[in-house]
Amino acid sequence: MSWRRLIAVARKELIQIWRDSRSLGIVLVMPLAMMLLFGYGVNLDMKHIPVCVFDREGSQQSQDLLKRFQSSDYFDVVRAVDNYPALAKAIDSGQARMGLVVPQDFSERLRTGETASVQAIVDATDDNTANLAVSYTDVVVRGYSQQVQFDWLRQQGRPEPNPPIAVDARTWFNEDLESKAFIVPGVLALVMSVIGAFLTSLTIAREWERGSMEQLISTPVTPLEIMLGKLAPYFAIGMLNTAVCAAVAIWWFEIPFRGSLAALFVS
């Protein structure tokens, strides 16, 4: 293998990239566009779900339950109504994604130790959002139900039950479980694969279409030198784009970086 011929092929490829506006646009624009698209467009975090409430009782206990939803980061109580048609209209118009209905005998059932039901009406146009909203609602209601049970046992003079096994989960990385901390780092590998593989294959296909590949094969350049000469410029450009995307991820999206930059680029 001749380094002189390999460098000549790589230099030819760099000149072709510089003169080809489409390839240059893909090289410069695509990585940043992918970073912004995935960073802002793909978001699995569901917070501040708008909720419309219909409190049919208006007691202290029902308001205590609704305040738990209001104080949660996952829900925003945007409106309170006094009838079912207004609740349905708020959901149909998109003003609220979920409606909560507290029954008239809510506090009475809690006082007598019976089971009280709360109705949740969810807009299931987006199935994923609806399932998450129901899951979050179940967590809030379970927490309130446990507190009511402890208060009732205390009033009856009974000891509070202690669960024999408790799960205390701790997240070491991405403590807040933010979607961007999962998605944005993966874009770095995606950019490298797109720049390295996609553009190289596109260039070779264009060489065959224009008939210049036959001329290149007729020269003393070996197939290995052609392959390495065409890969080297895109590899260097891919590393540069990776560095730019890593800088955008760290300083723009504020993704915490813990580790070695050298290990990142070697991998």
Protein backbone atom coordinates (compact mmCIF):
# COMPACT_ATOMS: atom_id res chain seq x y z
CA MET A 1 0.00 0.00 0.00
CA SER A 2 1.35 3.40 -1.01
CA TRP A 3 0.69 6.29 1.37
CA ARG A 4 1.24 8.71 -1.48
CA ARG A 5 -1.60 7.23 -3.53
CA LEU A 6 -3.83 6.93 -0.45
CA ILE A 7 -3.33 10.62 0.42
CA ALA A 8 -4.02 11.55 -3.21
CA VAL A 9 -7.36 9.71 -3.12
CA ALA A 10 -8.26 11.34 0.20
CA ARG A 11 -7.33 14.77 -1.15
CA LYS A 12 -9.46 14.16 -4.24
CA GLU A 13 -12.37 13.23 -1.96
CA LEU A 14 -11.98 16.40 0.11
CA ILE A 15 -12.00 18.54 -3.05
CA GLN A 16 -15.11 16.76 -4.28
CA ILE A 17 -16.86 17.32 -0.92
CA TRP A 18 -15.98 21.02 -1.01
CA ARG A 19 -17.29 21.42 -4.56
CA ASP A 20 -20.44 19.34 -4.00
CA SER A 21 -22.92 21.60 -2.21
CA ARG A 22 -25.25 18.71 -1.36
CA SER A 23 -22.56 16.67 0.35
CA LEU A 24 -21.26 19.77 2.08
CA GLY A 25 -24.75 20.58 3.32
CA ILE A 26 -25.19 17.07 4.68
CA VAL A 27 -21.81 17.25 6.39
CA LEU A 28 -22.42 20.62 8.02
CA VAL A 29 -26.18 20.85 8.52
CA MET A 30 -27.32 17.28 9.18
CA PRO A 31 -25.47 16.72 12.50
CA LEU A 32 -26.76 19.94 14.05
CA ALA A 33 -30.24 19.37 12.63
CA MET A 34 -30.32 15.86 14.09
CA MET A 35 -29.07 17.13 17.44
CA LEU A 36 -31.76 19.83 17.63
CA LEU A 37 -34.47 17.53 16.27
CA PHE A 38 -33.82 14.74 18.76
CA GLY A 39 -32.99 17.10 21.61
CA TYR A 40 -36.20 19.12 21.34
CA GLY A 41 -38.53 16.91 19.32
CA VAL A 42 -38.17 13.57 21.10
CA ASN A 43 -39.35 14.06 24.66
CA LEU A 44 -40.71 11.23 26.77
CA ASP A 45 -41.12 13.36 29.88
CA MET A 46 -44.77 13.96 30.70
CA LYS A 47 -45.13 16.80 33.16
CA HIS A 48 -47.68 19.54 33.78
CA ILE A 49 -50.59 17.59 32.30
CA PRO A 50 -53.58 19.99 32.23
CA VAL A 51 -56.39 18.72 34.45
CA CYS A 52 -60.00 19.86 34.81
CA VAL A 53 -61.70 19.01 38.13
CA PHE A 54 -65.35 18.51 39.04
CA ASP A 55 -65.65 18.40 42.82
CA ARG A 56 -69.25 17.33 43.47
CA GLU A 57 -68.80 17.47 47.24
CA GLY A 58 -66.54 20.45 47.99
CA SER A 59 -65.42 19.09 51.36
CA GLN A 60 -62.09 19.46 53.07
CA GLN A 61 -61.16 15.87 52.22
CA SER A 62 -61.93 16.28 48.51
CA GLN A 63 -59.98 19.53 48.35
CA ASP A 64 -57.06 17.84 50.08
CA LEU A 65 -56.99 15.22 47.33
CA LEU A 66 -57.16 17.82 44.57
CA LYS A 67 -54.36 19.83 46.19
CA ARG A 68 -52.15 16.79 45.91
CA PHE A 69 -52.65 16.89 42.15
CA GLN A 70 -52.08 20.64 42.11
CA SER A 71 -48.81 20.38 44.03
CA SER A 72 -47.47 17.62 41.78
CA ASP A 73 -45.08 18.47 38.94
CA TYR A 74 -46.96 16.06 36.70
CA PHE A 75 -50.33 17.83 36.83
CA ASP A 76 -51.65 21.37 36.44
CA VAL A 77 -55.21 22.04 37.55
CA VAL A 78 -56.27 24.50 34.86
CA ARG A 79 -60.01 24.68 35.49
CA ALA A 80 -62.74 23.74 37.95
CA VAL A 81 -66.27 23.08 36.66
CA ASP A 82 -69.62 22.31 38.28
CA ASN A 83 -71.18 19.90 35.75
CA TYR A 84 -70.31 17.02 33.43
CA PRO A 85 -70.96 18.81 30.10
CA ALA A 86 -68.45 21.52 31.01
CA LEU A 87 -65.92 18.84 31.93
CA ALA A 88 -66.44 17.01 28.65
CA LYS A 89 -66.19 20.28 26.71
CA ALA A 90 -62.87 21.15 28.37
CA ILE A 91 -61.42 17.77 27.33
CA ASP A 92 -62.86 17.85 23.81
CA SER A 93 -61.53 21.37 23.18
CA GLY A 94 -58.01 20.39 24.30
CA GLN A 95 -58.03 22.70 27.29
CA ALA A 96 -57.49 19.69 29.56
CA ARG A 97 -56.03 16.25 28.92
CA MET A 98 -57.71 14.68 31.93
CA GLY A 99 -60.77 15.27 34.09
CA LEU A 100 -61.19 14.35 37.77
CA VAL A 101 -64.62 13.83 39.31
CA VAL A 102 -64.98 13.56 43.09
CA PRO A 103 -68.31 11.95 44.14
CA GLN A 104 -70.80 13.53 46.54
CA ASP A 105 -70.30 10.96 49.31
CA PHE A 106 -66.49 11.03 49.18
CA SER A 107 -65.79 12.24 52.74
CA GLU A 108 -68.64 10.17 54.21
CA ARG A 109 -67.20 6.97 52.81
CA LEU A 110 -63.74 7.84 54.10
CA ARG A 111 -65.13 8.63 57.55
CA THR A 112 -66.90 5.27 57.83
CA GLY A 113 -63.91 3.33 56.50
CA GLU A 114 -65.52 2.38 53.20
CA THR A 115 -63.93 2.51 49.77
CA ALA A 116 -64.37 5.81 47.95
CA SER A 117 -63.93 5.98 44.18
CA VAL A 118 -62.65 8.93 42.16
CA GLN A 119 -63.40 9.07 38.45
CA ALA A 120 -60.63 9.98 36.01
CA ILE A 121 -61.64 10.83 32.42
CA VAL A 122 -58.60 10.82 30.11
CA ASP A 123 -58.22 12.03 26.54
CA ALA A 124 -56.82 8.89 24.88
CA THR A 125 -56.10 10.48 21.49
CA ASP A 126 -52.44 9.92 22.35
CA ASP A 127 -52.34 6.46 23.85
CA ASN A 128 -48.90 6.91 25.44
CA THR A 129 -49.88 10.17 27.13
CA ALA A 130 -53.13 8.64 28.38
CA ASN A 131 -51.36 5.65 29.92
CA LEU A 132 -48.81 7.89 31.62
CA ALA A 133 -51.55 10.16 32.96
CA VAL A 134 -53.42 7.18 34.41
CA SER A 135 -50.21 5.86 35.98
CA TYR A 136 -49.40 9.22 37.57
CA THR A 137 -52.98 9.52 38.82
CA ASP A 138 -52.78 6.08 40.38
CA VAL A 139 -49.61 7.06 42.25
CA VAL A 140 -51.16 10.26 43.64
CA VAL A 141 -54.39 8.53 44.68
CA ARG A 142 -52.50 5.65 46.29
CA GLY A 143 -50.42 8.08 48.32
CA TYR A 144 -53.54 9.90 49.48
CA SER A 145 -55.31 6.60 50.22
CA GLN A 146 -52.42 5.42 52.37
CA GLN A 147 -52.44 8.67 54.33
CA VAL A 148 -56.21 8.40 54.88
CA GLN A 149 -55.79 4.82 56.07
CA PHE A 150 -53.11 5.84 58.57
CA ASP A 151 -55.29 8.69 59.86
CA TRP A 152 -58.28 6.35 60.29
CA LEU A 153 -56.20 3.80 62.20
CA ARG A 154 -54.82 6.56 64.42
CA GLN A 155 -58.34 7.75 65.23
CA GLN A 156 -59.33 4.19 66.12
CA GLY A 157 -56.34 3.90 68.45
CA ARG A 158 -54.65 1.23 66.35
CA PRO A 159 -50.96 1.20 65.43
CA GLU A 160 -49.94 2.08 61.89
CA PRO A 161 -48.90 -0.99 59.87
CA ASN A 162 -45.23 -1.11 58.94
CA PRO A 163 -44.50 -2.79 55.61
CA PRO A 164 -42.06 -5.67 56.10
CA ILE A 165 -40.17 -4.86 52.89
CA ALA A 166 -39.56 -1.38 51.51
CA VAL A 167 -37.91 -0.56 48.18
CA ASP A 168 -35.65 2.47 48.18
CA ALA A 169 -34.53 3.05 44.58
CA ARG A 170 -31.65 5.34 43.74
CA THR A 171 -30.70 6.40 40.22
CA TRP A 172 -26.96 6.91 39.88
CA PHE A 173 -26.97 8.49 36.43
CA ASN A 174 -29.63 10.88 35.15
CA GLU A 175 -31.15 11.27 38.60
CA ASP A 176 -34.14 13.25 37.30
CA LEU A 177 -34.81 10.67 34.54
CA GLU A 178 -34.89 13.36 31.85
CA SER A 179 -35.41 12.12 28.31
CA LYS A 180 -32.79 14.39 26.79
CA ALA A 181 -30.09 12.86 28.98
CA PHE A 182 -30.93 9.48 27.43
CA ILE A 183 -31.52 10.57 23.83
CA VAL A 184 -28.96 13.30 23.11
CA PRO A 185 -25.83 11.20 23.87
CA GLY A 186 -27.11 8.55 21.47
CA VAL A 187 -27.17 11.14 18.70
CA LEU A 188 -23.36 11.27 18.84
CA ALA A 189 -23.10 7.65 17.72
CA LEU A 190 -25.87 8.24 15.19
CA VAL A 191 -24.01 11.21 13.67
CA MET A 192 -20.83 9.19 13.38
CA SER A 193 -22.60 6.32 11.65
CA VAL A 194 -24.44 8.62 9.24
CA ILE A 195 -21.40 10.67 8.29
CA GLY A 196 -19.07 7.68 8.04
CA ALA A 197 -21.28 5.14 6.30
CA PHE A 198 -24.03 7.07 4.54
CA LEU A 199 -21.87 9.69 2.84
CA THR A 200 -19.18 7.20 1.88
CA SER A 201 -21.69 4.87 0.21
CA LEU A 202 -23.35 7.87 -1.44
CA THR A 203 -20.02 9.01 -2.86
CA ILE A 204 -19.11 5.58 -4.21
CA ALA A 205 -22.55 5.24 -5.82
CA ARG A 206 -22.10 8.65 -7.45
CA GLU A 207 -18.67 7.59 -8.74
CA TRP A 208 -20.25 4.61 -10.52
CA GLU A 209 -23.04 6.78 -11.95
CA ARG A 210 -20.61 9.33 -13.37
CA GLY A 211 -18.26 6.68 -14.73
CA SER A 212 -15.27 8.00 -12.80
CA MET A 213 -14.89 4.78 -10.79
CA GLU A 214 -13.76 2.89 -13.93
CA GLN A 215 -11.11 5.55 -14.52
CA LEU A 216 -9.99 5.28 -10.90
CA ILE A 217 -9.75 1.49 -11.11
CA SER A 218 -7.64 1.72 -14.26
CA THR A 219 -4.98 3.65 -12.32
CA PRO A 220 -2.34 1.90 -10.17
CA VAL A 221 -4.45 2.61 -7.05
CA THR A 222 -5.37 -0.61 -5.23
CA PRO A 223 -8.90 -1.35 -3.91
CA LEU A 224 -7.64 -1.01 -0.32
CA GLU A 225 -6.19 2.42 -1.06
CA ILE A 226 -9.47 3.50 -2.69
CA MET A 227 -11.48 2.31 0.31
CA LEU A 228 -9.22 3.90 2.92
CA GLY A 229 -8.77 7.05 0.88
CA LYS A 230 -12.52 7.55 0.67
CA LEU A 231 -13.15 6.64 4.32
CA ALA A 232 -10.43 8.84 5.81
CA PRO A 233 -11.96 12.27 4.94
CA TYR A 234 -15.41 11.28 6.19
CA PHE A 235 -13.92 9.76 9.31
CA ALA A 236 -12.12 13.05 10.05
CA ILE A 237 -15.29 15.04 9.29
CA GLY A 238 -17.31 12.65 11.46
CA MET A 239 -14.92 13.16 14.38
CA LEU A 240 -15.20 16.93 13.92
CA ASN A 241 -18.99 16.71 13.85
CA THR A 242 -18.92 14.48 16.92
CA ALA A 243 -16.88 17.12 18.75
CA VAL A 244 -19.36 19.83 17.71
CA CYS A 245 -22.35 17.72 18.75
CA ALA A 246 -20.69 16.85 22.06
CA ALA A 247 -20.14 20.56 22.73
CA VAL A 248 -23.79 21.29 21.88
CA ALA A 249 -24.93 18.46 24.16
CA ILE A 250 -22.83 19.64 27.10
CA TRP A 251 -23.21 23.40 26.89
CA TRP A 252 -26.53 23.86 25.09
CA PHE A 253 -28.63 20.95 26.36
CA GLU A 254 -26.69 20.87 29.65
CA ILE A 255 -26.13 17.11 29.55
CA PRO A 256 -23.78 16.22 32.44
CA PHE A 257 -20.53 14.76 31.13
CA ARG A 258 -18.70 12.48 33.54
CA GLY A 259 -15.65 10.70 32.23
CA SER A 260 -12.84 11.08 29.73
CA LEU A 261 -13.16 12.89 26.42
CA ALA A 262 -10.36 10.73 25.04
CA ALA A 263 -12.31 7.56 25.89
CA LEU A 264 -15.39 9.02 24.17
CA PHE A 265 -13.59 9.73 20.92
CA VAL A 266 -11.62 6.47 20.95
CA SER A 267 -14.85 4.50 21.38
